[in-house]
Amino acid sequence: MGRVRVRLTFPETLVPRPLIYELGHRFQVVTNIRRAHVEEHVGWVVLELDGEEDEIEHGLVWTRSLGVRVDPVTADVVEG
């Protein structure tokens, strides 16, 4: 099992789409939102993904293929 934290930045066309829900259902990963900011034209979320490393990677490849920017997060985000 692995755990990865990433920041997903959504273009305006994808803001209304439930991508985090889809990610958790298409791939064997558990999603945990650590921080987010969503507006009408842009949105971002710091997301923690738990699961097998290959499932996490496949999920992130799928997310990028939709036009979402995926950046690694290395600092602690909202603990406790």
PDB file of N, CA and C in Angstrom:
ATOM      1  N   MET A   1       0.840  -1.190   0.000  1.00  0.00           N
ATOM      2  CA  MET A   1       0.000   0.000   0.000  1.00  0.00           C
ATOM      3  C   MET A   1       0.880   1.248   0.000  1.00  0.00           C
ATOM      4  N   GLY A   2       0.395   2.247  -0.673  1.00  0.00           N
ATOM      5  CA  GLY A   2       1.123   3.500  -0.742  1.00  0.00           C
ATOM      6  C   GLY A   2       0.219   4.673  -0.415  1.00  0.00           C
ATOM      7  N   ARG A   3       0.831   5.792  -0.199  1.00  0.00           N
ATOM      8  CA  ARG A   3       0.097   7.041   0.047  1.00  0.00           C
ATOM      9  C   ARG A   3       0.816   8.145  -0.700  1.00  0.00           C
ATOM     10  N   VAL A   4       0.042   8.935  -1.447  1.00  0.00           N
ATOM     11  CA  VAL A   4       0.584  10.033  -2.238  1.00  0.00           C
ATOM     12  C   VAL A   4      -0.286  11.257  -1.987  1.00  0.00           C
ATOM     13  N   ARG A   5       0.378  12.400  -1.862  1.00  0.00           N
ATOM     14  CA  ARG A   5      -0.348  13.675  -1.783  1.00  0.00           C
ATOM     15  C   ARG A   5      -0.029  14.486  -3.026  1.00  0.00           C
ATOM     16  N   VAL A   6      -1.074  14.977  -3.658  1.00  0.00           N
ATOM     17  CA  VAL A   6      -0.924  15.763  -4.875  1.00  0.00           C
ATOM     18  C   VAL A   6      -1.844  16.981  -4.817  1.00  0.00           C
ATOM     19  N   ARG A   7      -1.473  17.974  -5.584  1.00  0.00           N
ATOM     20  CA  ARG A   7      -2.349  19.128  -5.782  1.00  0.00           C
ATOM     21  C   ARG A   7      -2.899  19.025  -7.188  1.00  0.00           C
ATOM     22  N   LEU A   8      -4.209  18.982  -7.293  1.00  0.00           N
ATOM     23  CA  LEU A   8      -4.886  18.937  -8.578  1.00  0.00           C
ATOM     24  C   LEU A   8      -5.432  20.327  -8.878  1.00  0.00           C
ATOM     25  N   THR A   9      -5.124  20.844 -10.053  1.00  0.00           N
ATOM     26  CA  THR A   9      -5.642  22.142 -10.476  1.00  0.00           C
ATOM     27  C   THR A   9      -6.538  21.906 -11.687  1.00  0.00           C
ATOM     28  N   PHE A  10      -7.793  22.306 -11.549  1.00  0.00           N
ATOM     29  CA  PHE A  10      -8.805  22.030 -12.561  1.00  0.00           C
ATOM     30  C   PHE A  10      -9.027  23.228 -13.466  1.00  0.00           C
ATOM     31  N   PRO A  11      -9.061  23.009 -14.782  1.00  0.00           N
ATOM     32  CA  PRO A  11      -9.448  24.092 -15.683  1.00  0.00           C
ATOM     33  C   PRO A  11     -10.948  24.362 -15.552  1.00  0.00           C
ATOM     34  N   GLU A  12     -11.345  25.504 -16.011  1.00  0.00           N
ATOM     35  CA  GLU A  12     -12.741  25.943 -15.875  1.00  0.00           C
ATOM     36  C   GLU A  12     -13.744  24.902 -16.362  1.00  0.00           C
ATOM     37  N   THR A  13     -13.457  24.234 -17.457  1.00  0.00           N
ATOM     38  CA  THR A  13     -14.411  23.277 -18.023  1.00  0.00           C
ATOM     39  C   THR A  13     -14.631  22.061 -17.124  1.00  0.00           C
ATOM     40  N   LEU A  14     -13.668  21.775 -16.230  1.00  0.00           N
ATOM     41  CA  LEU A  14     -13.790  20.592 -15.377  1.00  0.00           C
ATOM     42  C   LEU A  14     -14.240  20.897 -13.955  1.00  0.00           C
ATOM     43  N   VAL A  15     -14.363  22.173 -13.594  1.00  0.00           N
ATOM     44  CA  VAL A  15     -14.745  22.528 -12.223  1.00  0.00           C
ATOM     45  C   VAL A  15     -16.058  21.868 -11.813  1.00  0.00           C
ATOM     46  N   PRO A  16     -17.100  21.831 -12.648  1.00  0.00           N
ATOM     47  CA  PRO A  16     -18.363  21.238 -12.200  1.00  0.00           C
ATOM     48  C   PRO A  16     -18.371  19.700 -12.152  1.00  0.00           C
ATOM     49  N   ARG A  17     -17.401  19.061 -12.766  1.00  0.00           N
ATOM     50  CA  ARG A  17     -17.378  17.595 -12.856  1.00  0.00           C
ATOM     51  C   ARG A  17     -16.884  16.962 -11.547  1.00  0.00           C
ATOM     52  N   PRO A  18     -17.510  15.898 -11.077  1.00  0.00           N
ATOM     53  CA  PRO A  18     -17.100  15.254  -9.820  1.00  0.00           C
ATOM     54  C   PRO A  18     -15.893  14.323 -10.014  1.00  0.00           C
ATOM     55  N   LEU A  19     -14.751  14.896 -10.365  1.00  0.00           N
ATOM     56  CA  LEU A  19     -13.578  14.092 -10.717  1.00  0.00           C
ATOM     57  C   LEU A  19     -13.016  13.283  -9.548  1.00  0.00           C
ATOM     58  N   ILE A  20     -13.060  13.819  -8.355  1.00  0.00           N
ATOM     59  CA  ILE A  20     -12.530  13.077  -7.215  1.00  0.00           C
ATOM     60  C   ILE A  20     -13.397  11.850  -6.945  1.00  0.00           C
ATOM     61  N   TYR A  21     -14.695  12.011  -7.057  1.00  0.00           N
ATOM     62  CA  TYR A  21     -15.615  10.878  -6.931  1.00  0.00           C
ATOM     63  C   TYR A  21     -15.302   9.831  -8.006  1.00  0.00           C
ATOM     64  N   GLU A  22     -15.162  10.281  -9.245  1.00  0.00           N
ATOM     65  CA  GLU A  22     -14.871   9.362 -10.351  1.00  0.00           C
ATOM     66  C   GLU A  22     -13.540   8.644 -10.135  1.00  0.00           C
ATOM     67  N   LEU A  23     -12.540   9.368  -9.674  1.00  0.00           N
ATOM     68  CA  LEU A  23     -11.220   8.783  -9.422  1.00  0.00           C
ATOM     69  C   LEU A  23     -11.319   7.642  -8.414  1.00  0.00           C
ATOM     70  N   GLY A  24     -12.065   7.857  -7.344  1.00  0.00           N
ATOM     71  CA  GLY A  24     -12.221   6.835  -6.319  1.00  0.00           C
ATOM     72  C   GLY A  24     -13.009   5.626  -6.770  1.00  0.00           C
ATOM     73  N   HIS A  25     -13.875   5.797  -7.775  1.00  0.00           N
ATOM     74  CA  HIS A  25     -14.684   4.686  -8.265  1.00  0.00           C
ATOM     75  C   HIS A  25     -14.065   3.958  -9.449  1.00  0.00           C
ATOM     76  N   ARG A  26     -13.278   4.657 -10.246  1.00  0.00           N
ATOM     77  CA  ARG A  26     -12.633   4.024 -11.401  1.00  0.00           C
ATOM     78  C   ARG A  26     -11.394   3.212 -10.998  1.00  0.00           C
ATOM     79  N   PHE A  27     -10.759   3.650  -9.920  1.00  0.00           N
ATOM     80  CA  PHE A  27      -9.504   3.035  -9.494  1.00  0.00           C
ATOM     81  C   PHE A  27      -9.622   2.633  -8.030  1.00  0.00           C
ATOM     82  N   GLN A  28      -8.869   1.644  -7.647  1.00  0.00           N
ATOM     83  CA  GLN A  28      -8.894   1.155  -6.271  1.00  0.00           C
ATOM     84  C   GLN A  28      -8.037   2.057  -5.383  1.00  0.00           C
ATOM     85  N   VAL A  29      -8.518   3.287  -5.190  1.00  0.00           N
ATOM     86  CA  VAL A  29      -7.832   4.250  -4.338  1.00  0.00           C
ATOM     87  C   VAL A  29      -8.836   4.892  -3.396  1.00  0.00           C
ATOM     88  N   VAL A  30      -8.356   5.246  -2.220  1.00  0.00           N
ATOM     89  CA  VAL A  30      -9.161   5.993  -1.262  1.00  0.00           C
ATOM     90  C   VAL A  30      -8.720   7.442  -1.356  1.00  0.00           C
ATOM     91  N   THR A  31      -9.671   8.341  -1.564  1.00  0.00           N
ATOM     92  CA  THR A  31      -9.356   9.753  -1.701  1.00  0.00           C
ATOM     93  C   THR A  31      -9.676  10.487  -0.406  1.00  0.00           C
ATOM     94  N   ASN A  32      -8.814  11.423  -0.038  1.00  0.00           N
ATOM     95  CA  ASN A  32      -9.006  12.212   1.164  1.00  0.00           C
ATOM     96  C   ASN A  32      -8.625  13.654   0.844  1.00  0.00           C
ATOM     97  N   ILE A  33      -9.594  14.547   0.856  1.00  0.00           N
ATOM     98  CA  ILE A  33      -9.335  15.958   0.564  1.00  0.00           C
ATOM     99  C   ILE A  33      -8.703  16.595   1.794  1.00  0.00           C
ATOM    100  N   ARG A  34      -7.519  17.154   1.616  1.00  0.00           N
ATOM    101  CA  ARG A  34      -6.786  17.785   2.719  1.00  0.00           C
ATOM    102  C   ARG A  34      -6.967  19.297   2.723  1.00  0.00           C
ATOM    103  N   ARG A  35      -7.162  19.880   1.554  1.00  0.00           N
ATOM    104  CA  ARG A  35      -7.380  21.322   1.434  1.00  0.00           C
ATOM    105  C   ARG A  35      -7.929  21.575   0.039  1.00  0.00           C
ATOM    106  N   ALA A  36      -8.771  22.603  -0.104  1.00  0.00           N
ATOM    107  CA  ALA A  36      -9.340  22.885  -1.423  1.00  0.00           C
ATOM    108  C   ALA A  36      -9.785  24.343  -1.520  1.00  0.00           C
ATOM    109  N   HIS A  37      -9.847  24.796  -2.743  1.00  0.00           N
ATOM    110  CA  HIS A  37     -10.389  26.119  -3.053  1.00  0.00           C
ATOM    111  C   HIS A  37     -11.033  26.000  -4.437  1.00  0.00           C
ATOM    112  N   VAL A  38     -12.326  26.253  -4.482  1.00  0.00           N
ATOM    113  CA  VAL A  38     -13.049  26.122  -5.743  1.00  0.00           C
ATOM    114  C   VAL A  38     -13.861  27.385  -5.988  1.00  0.00           C
ATOM    115  N   GLU A  39     -13.712  27.910  -7.187  1.00  0.00           N
ATOM    116  CA  GLU A  39     -14.508  29.044  -7.640  1.00  0.00           C
ATOM    117  C   GLU A  39     -15.166  28.657  -8.952  1.00  0.00           C
ATOM    118  N   GLU A  40     -15.930  29.555  -9.497  1.00  0.00           N
ATOM    119  CA  GLU A  40     -16.660  29.263 -10.730  1.00  0.00           C
ATOM    120  C   GLU A  40     -15.742  28.936 -11.898  1.00  0.00           C
ATOM    121  N   HIS A  41     -14.592  29.600 -11.984  1.00  0.00           N
ATOM    122  CA  HIS A  41     -13.728  29.465 -13.158  1.00  0.00           C
ATOM    123  C   HIS A  41     -12.472  28.635 -12.947  1.00  0.00           C
ATOM    124  N   VAL A  42     -12.140  28.325 -11.720  1.00  0.00           N
ATOM    125  CA  VAL A  42     -10.932  27.553 -11.447  1.00  0.00           C
ATOM    126  C   VAL A  42     -11.071  26.890 -10.076  1.00  0.00           C
ATOM    127  N   GLY A  43     -10.376  25.780  -9.923  1.00  0.00           N
ATOM    128  CA  GLY A  43     -10.392  25.120  -8.630  1.00  0.00           C
ATOM    129  C   GLY A  43      -9.134  24.303  -8.434  1.00  0.00           C
ATOM    130  N   TRP A  44      -8.761  24.125  -7.159  1.00  0.00           N
ATOM    131  CA  TRP A  44      -7.645  23.245  -6.849  1.00  0.00           C
ATOM    132  C   TRP A  44      -7.961  22.496  -5.570  1.00  0.00           C
ATOM    133  N   VAL A  45      -7.322  21.363  -5.433  1.00  0.00           N
ATOM    134  CA  VAL A  45      -7.507  20.550  -4.246  1.00  0.00           C
ATOM    135  C   VAL A  45      -6.201  19.834  -3.934  1.00  0.00           C
ATOM    136  N   VAL A  46      -5.862  19.780  -2.654  1.00  0.00           N
ATOM    137  CA  VAL A  46      -4.758  18.938  -2.208  1.00  0.00           C
ATOM    138  C   VAL A  46      -5.406  17.628  -1.790  1.00  0.00           C
ATOM    139  N   LEU A  47      -5.017  16.574  -2.461  1.00  0.00           N
ATOM    140  CA  LEU A  47      -5.677  15.284  -2.318  1.00  0.00           C
ATOM    141  C   LEU A  47      -4.675  14.230  -1.873  1.00  0.00           C
ATOM    142  N   GLU A  48      -5.085  13.439  -0.901  1.00  0.00           N
ATOM    143  CA  GLU A  48      -4.283  12.304  -0.451  1.00  0.00           C
ATOM    144  C   GLU A  48      -4.899  11.045  -1.058  1.00  0.00           C
ATOM    145  N   LEU A  49      -4.075  10.227  -1.672  1.00  0.00           N
ATOM    146  CA  LEU A  49      -4.528   8.991  -2.299  1.00  0.00           C
ATOM    147  C   LEU A  49      -3.859   7.814  -1.609  1.00  0.00           C
ATOM    148  N   ASP A  50      -4.660   6.874  -1.134  1.00  0.00           N
ATOM    149  CA  ASP A  50      -4.151   5.649  -0.527  1.00  0.00           C
ATOM    150  C   ASP A  50      -4.541   4.474  -1.399  1.00  0.00           C
ATOM    151  N   GLY A  51      -3.605   3.543  -1.604  1.00  0.00           N
ATOM    152  CA  GLY A  51      -3.887   2.350  -2.391  1.00  0.00           C
ATOM    153  C   GLY A  51      -2.595   1.738  -2.902  1.00  0.00           C
ATOM    154  N   GLU A  52      -2.749   0.746  -3.744  1.00  0.00           N
ATOM    155  CA  GLU A  52      -1.579   0.142  -4.366  1.00  0.00           C
ATOM    156  C   GLU A  52      -0.935   1.182  -5.285  1.00  0.00           C
ATOM    157  N   GLU A  53       0.391   1.179  -5.321  1.00  0.00           N
ATOM    158  CA  GLU A  53       1.105   2.199  -6.077  1.00  0.00           C
ATOM    159  C   GLU A  53       0.720   2.248  -7.546  1.00  0.00           C
ATOM    160  N   ASP A  54       0.505   1.090  -8.164  1.00  0.00           N
ATOM    161  CA  ASP A  54       0.134   1.089  -9.585  1.00  0.00           C
ATOM    162  C   ASP A  54      -1.270   1.648  -9.789  1.00  0.00           C
ATOM    163  N   GLU A  55      -2.185   1.418  -8.860  1.00  0.00           N
ATOM    164  CA  GLU A  55      -3.540   1.983  -8.972  1.00  0.00           C
ATOM    165  C   GLU A  55      -3.499   3.496  -8.820  1.00  0.00           C
ATOM    166  N   ILE A  56      -2.697   3.974  -7.880  1.00  0.00           N
ATOM    167  CA  ILE A  56      -2.548   5.424  -7.705  1.00  0.00           C
ATOM    168  C   ILE A  56      -1.996   6.041  -8.983  1.00  0.00           C
ATOM    169  N   GLU A  57      -0.955   5.439  -9.543  1.00  0.00           N
ATOM    170  CA  GLU A  57      -0.341   5.974 -10.763  1.00  0.00           C
ATOM    171  C   GLU A  57      -1.313   5.953 -11.935  1.00  0.00           C
ATOM    172  N   HIS A  58      -2.048   4.867 -12.102  1.00  0.00           N
ATOM    173  CA  HIS A  58      -3.045   4.802 -13.185  1.00  0.00           C
ATOM    174  C   HIS A  58      -4.108   5.884 -13.004  1.00  0.00           C
ATOM    175  N   GLY A  59      -4.518   6.099 -11.778  1.00  0.00           N
ATOM    176  CA  GLY A  59      -5.501   7.141 -11.502  1.00  0.00           C
ATOM    177  C   GLY A  59      -4.984   8.524 -11.830  1.00  0.00           C
ATOM    178  N   LEU A  60      -3.726   8.782 -11.509  1.00  0.00           N
ATOM    179  CA  LEU A  60      -3.156  10.092 -11.802  1.00  0.00           C
ATOM    180  C   LEU A  60      -2.933  10.288 -13.298  1.00  0.00           C
ATOM    181  N   VAL A  61      -2.555   9.228 -14.003  1.00  0.00           N
ATOM    182  CA  VAL A  61      -2.425   9.316 -15.465  1.00  0.00           C
ATOM    183  C   VAL A  61      -3.780   9.653 -16.081  1.00  0.00           C
ATOM    184  N   TRP A  62      -4.831   8.985 -15.613  1.00  0.00           N
ATOM    185  CA  TRP A  62      -6.195   9.267 -16.098  1.00  0.00           C
ATOM    186  C   TRP A  62      -6.573  10.719 -15.821  1.00  0.00           C
ATOM    187  N   THR A  63      -6.264  11.186 -14.612  1.00  0.00           N
ATOM    188  CA  THR A  63      -6.596  12.561 -14.235  1.00  0.00           C
ATOM    189  C   THR A  63      -5.891  13.558 -15.149  1.00  0.00           C
ATOM    190  N   ARG A  64      -4.608  13.336 -15.404  1.00  0.00           N
ATOM    191  CA  ARG A  64      -3.861  14.219 -16.310  1.00  0.00           C
ATOM    192  C   ARG A  64      -4.443  14.183 -17.719  1.00  0.00           C
ATOM    193  N   SER A  65      -4.882  13.003 -18.155  1.00  0.00           N
ATOM    194  CA  SER A  65      -5.412  12.875 -19.519  1.00  0.00           C
ATOM    195  C   SER A  65      -6.669  13.715 -19.728  1.00  0.00           C
ATOM    196  N   LEU A  66      -7.340  14.071 -18.652  1.00  0.00           N
ATOM    197  CA  LEU A  66      -8.537  14.908 -18.744  1.00  0.00           C
ATOM    198  C   LEU A  66      -8.209  16.392 -18.801  1.00  0.00           C
ATOM    199  N   GLY A  67      -6.947  16.740 -18.541  1.00  0.00           N
ATOM    200  CA  GLY A  67      -6.539  18.139 -18.568  1.00  0.00           C
ATOM    201  C   GLY A  67      -6.320  18.739 -17.195  1.00  0.00           C
ATOM    202  N   VAL A  68      -6.288  17.916 -16.162  1.00  0.00           N
ATOM    203  CA  VAL A  68      -6.032  18.389 -14.809  1.00  0.00           C
ATOM    204  C   VAL A  68      -4.523  18.455 -14.593  1.00  0.00           C
ATOM    205  N   ARG A  69      -4.062  19.542 -14.010  1.00  0.00           N
ATOM    206  CA  ARG A  69      -2.642  19.650 -13.655  1.00  0.00           C
ATOM    207  C   ARG A  69      -2.428  18.911 -12.340  1.00  0.00           C
ATOM    208  N   VAL A  70      -1.422  18.052 -12.294  1.00  0.00           N
ATOM    209  CA  VAL A  70      -1.119  17.252 -11.103  1.00  0.00           C
ATOM    210  C   VAL A  70       0.296  17.591 -10.651  1.00  0.00           C
ATOM    211  N   ASP A  71       0.410  18.108  -9.413  1.00  0.00           N
ATOM    212  CA  ASP A  71       1.704  18.456  -8.847  1.00  0.00           C
ATOM    213  C   ASP A  71       1.886  17.719  -7.521  1.00  0.00           C
ATOM    214  N   PRO A  72       3.089  17.210  -7.249  1.00  0.00           N
ATOM    215  CA  PRO A  72       3.316  16.534  -5.966  1.00  0.00           C
ATOM    216  C   PRO A  72       3.294  17.539  -4.814  1.00  0.00           C
ATOM    217  N   VAL A  73       2.871  17.064  -3.644  1.00  0.00           N
ATOM    218  CA  VAL A  73       2.880  17.874  -2.425  1.00  0.00           C
ATOM    219  C   VAL A  73       3.796  17.168  -1.439  1.00  0.00           C
ATOM    220  N   THR A  74       4.769  17.902  -0.924  1.00  0.00           N
ATOM    221  CA  THR A  74       5.710  17.286   0.006  1.00  0.00           C
ATOM    222  C   THR A  74       5.550  17.822   1.424  1.00  0.00           C
ATOM    223  N   ALA A  75       4.965  18.990   1.610  1.00  0.00           N
ATOM    224  CA  ALA A  75       4.789  19.561   2.943  1.00  0.00           C
ATOM    225  C   ALA A  75       3.537  19.009   3.613  1.00  0.00           C
ATOM    226  N   ASP A  76       3.512  19.036   4.924  1.00  0.00           N
ATOM    227  CA  ASP A  76       2.308  18.634   5.660  1.00  0.00           C
ATOM    228  C   ASP A  76       1.181  19.606   5.367  1.00  0.00           C
ATOM    229  N   VAL A  77      -0.020  19.048   5.286  1.00  0.00           N
ATOM    230  CA  VAL A  77      -1.195  19.868   4.977  1.00  0.00           C
ATOM    231  C   VAL A  77      -2.294  19.531   5.966  1.00  0.00           C
ATOM    232  N   VAL A  78      -2.705  20.478   6.755  1.00  0.00           N
ATOM    233  CA  VAL A  78      -3.833  20.383   7.684  1.00  0.00           C
ATOM    234  C   VAL A  78      -3.856  19.058   8.446  1.00  0.00           C
ATOM    235  N   GLU A  79      -3.024  18.958   9.422  1.00  0.00           N
ATOM    236  CA  GLU A  79      -3.010  17.776  10.275  1.00  0.00           C
ATOM    237  C   GLU A  79      -3.745  18.099  11.561  1.00  0.00           C
ATOM    238  N   GLY A  80      -4.554  17.130  12.019  1.00  0.00           N
ATOM    239  CA  GLY A  80      -5.251  17.290  13.291  1.00  0.00           C
ATOM    240  C   GLY A  80      -6.462  18.031  13.117  1.00  0.00           C
TER     241      GLY A  80
END
